[in-house]
């Protein structure tokens, strides 16, 4: 049985995608860029990092990993919604209104 034509795990996956996206945004915003990053935009010191001098390498790796996970989750979610949509078209009585 589905709610509005979509199974519960699609809603769960959507929440995970949103949470991953928010984490990715946060990681990007705390990085120190060549121009000082977000800290420089608000008057902060752009030349120093509270996470140490090698934090740029670590944050770059973490950003790439989280971005890859986010992209894979998006692809999986699209495929699941397509499968659910086909199932609902074939079995319209399975929808809970």
Protein backbone atom coordinates (compact mmCIF):
# COMPACT_ATOMS: atom_id res chain seq x y z
CA UNK A 1 0.00 0.00 0.00
CA UNK A 2 1.20 3.48 -0.78
CA UNK A 3 0.36 6.94 0.48
CA UNK A 4 -0.45 9.26 -2.42
CA UNK A 5 1.18 6.80 -4.79
CA UNK A 6 4.59 6.70 -3.09
CA UNK A 7 5.92 4.15 -0.59
CA UNK A 8 7.29 5.11 2.84
CA UNK A 9 10.90 4.45 1.90
CA UNK A 10 10.77 7.12 -0.80
CA UNK A 11 9.81 9.67 1.87
CA UNK A 12 12.65 8.40 4.06
CA UNK A 13 15.13 8.64 1.19
CA UNK A 14 13.89 12.16 0.46
CA UNK A 15 14.61 13.16 4.07
CA UNK A 16 18.11 11.66 3.81
CA UNK A 17 18.74 13.58 0.57
CA UNK A 18 17.62 16.83 2.20
CA UNK A 19 19.78 16.22 5.27
CA UNK A 20 22.80 15.35 3.09
CA UNK A 21 22.24 18.53 1.08
CA UNK A 22 22.14 20.65 4.23
CA UNK A 23 25.34 19.02 5.48
CA UNK A 24 26.98 19.70 2.12
CA UNK A 25 25.93 23.36 2.27
CA UNK A 26 27.35 23.66 5.78
CA UNK A 27 30.66 22.06 4.82
CA UNK A 28 31.00 24.38 1.84
CA UNK A 29 30.24 27.47 3.91
CA UNK A 30 32.83 26.73 6.59
CA UNK A 31 35.63 26.18 4.09
CA UNK A 32 38.25 28.85 3.64
CA UNK A 33 38.49 29.80 0.00
CA UNK A 34 41.16 31.76 -1.80
CA UNK A 35 39.18 34.96 -1.28
CA UNK A 36 38.55 34.44 2.41
CA UNK A 37 35.33 32.48 2.07
CA UNK A 38 32.19 33.30 3.98
CA UNK A 39 34.17 34.58 6.96
CA UNK A 40 35.65 37.34 4.82
CA UNK A 41 32.24 38.38 3.53
CA UNK A 42 31.06 39.19 7.05
CA UNK A 43 34.22 40.91 8.27
CA UNK A 44 35.92 37.87 9.75
CA UNK A 45 39.54 36.96 9.38
CA UNK A 46 39.89 35.15 6.08
CA UNK A 47 43.51 34.13 6.44
CA UNK A 48 43.19 31.78 9.37
CA UNK A 49 41.20 28.63 9.90
CA UNK A 50 39.92 27.48 13.29
CA UNK A 51 40.49 23.89 12.14
CA UNK A 52 44.24 24.16 11.49
CA UNK A 53 46.43 24.75 8.46
CA UNK A 54 45.71 21.40 6.82
CA UNK A 55 41.95 21.75 7.22
CA UNK A 56 41.56 22.77 3.57
CA UNK A 57 42.68 19.36 2.35
CA UNK A 58 40.39 17.59 4.80
CA UNK A 59 37.37 19.74 3.98
CA UNK A 60 37.99 19.29 0.26
CA UNK A 61 37.95 15.51 0.63
CA UNK A 62 34.89 15.56 2.88
CA UNK A 63 33.09 17.86 0.45
CA UNK A 64 33.82 15.58 -2.49
CA UNK A 65 32.66 12.49 -0.59
CA UNK A 66 29.44 14.11 0.67
CA UNK A 67 28.73 15.53 -2.81
CA UNK A 68 29.19 12.09 -4.39
CA UNK A 69 26.91 10.47 -1.81
CA UNK A 70 24.31 13.20 -2.39
CA UNK A 71 24.43 12.69 -6.17
CA UNK A 72 24.08 8.90 -5.85
CA UNK A 73 21.13 9.34 -3.47
CA UNK A 74 19.42 11.64 -5.99
CA UNK A 75 19.84 9.07 -8.77
CA UNK A 76 18.50 6.27 -6.54
CA UNK A 77 15.53 8.40 -5.50
CA UNK A 78 14.63 9.24 -9.10
CA UNK A 79 14.77 5.57 -10.09
CA UNK A 80 12.62 4.54 -7.11
CA UNK A 81 10.00 7.18 -7.88
CA UNK A 82 9.90 6.07 -11.51
CA UNK A 83 9.36 2.45 -10.45
CA UNK A 84 6.66 3.51 -7.97
CA UNK A 85 4.96 5.59 -10.66
CA UNK A 86 4.81 2.67 -13.05
CA UNK A 87 3.42 0.40 -10.33
CA UNK A 88 0.72 2.91 -9.39
CA UNK A 89 -0.31 3.31 -13.03
CA UNK A 90 -0.71 -0.45 -13.32
CA UNK A 91 -2.41 -0.84 -9.89
CA UNK A 92 -4.44 2.32 -9.17
CA UNK A 93 -6.33 0.62 -6.32
CA UNK A 94 -3.14 0.51 -4.22
CA UNK A 95 -3.26 4.24 -3.46
CA UNK A 96 -4.44 5.33 0.02
CA UNK A 97 -6.17 8.67 -0.21
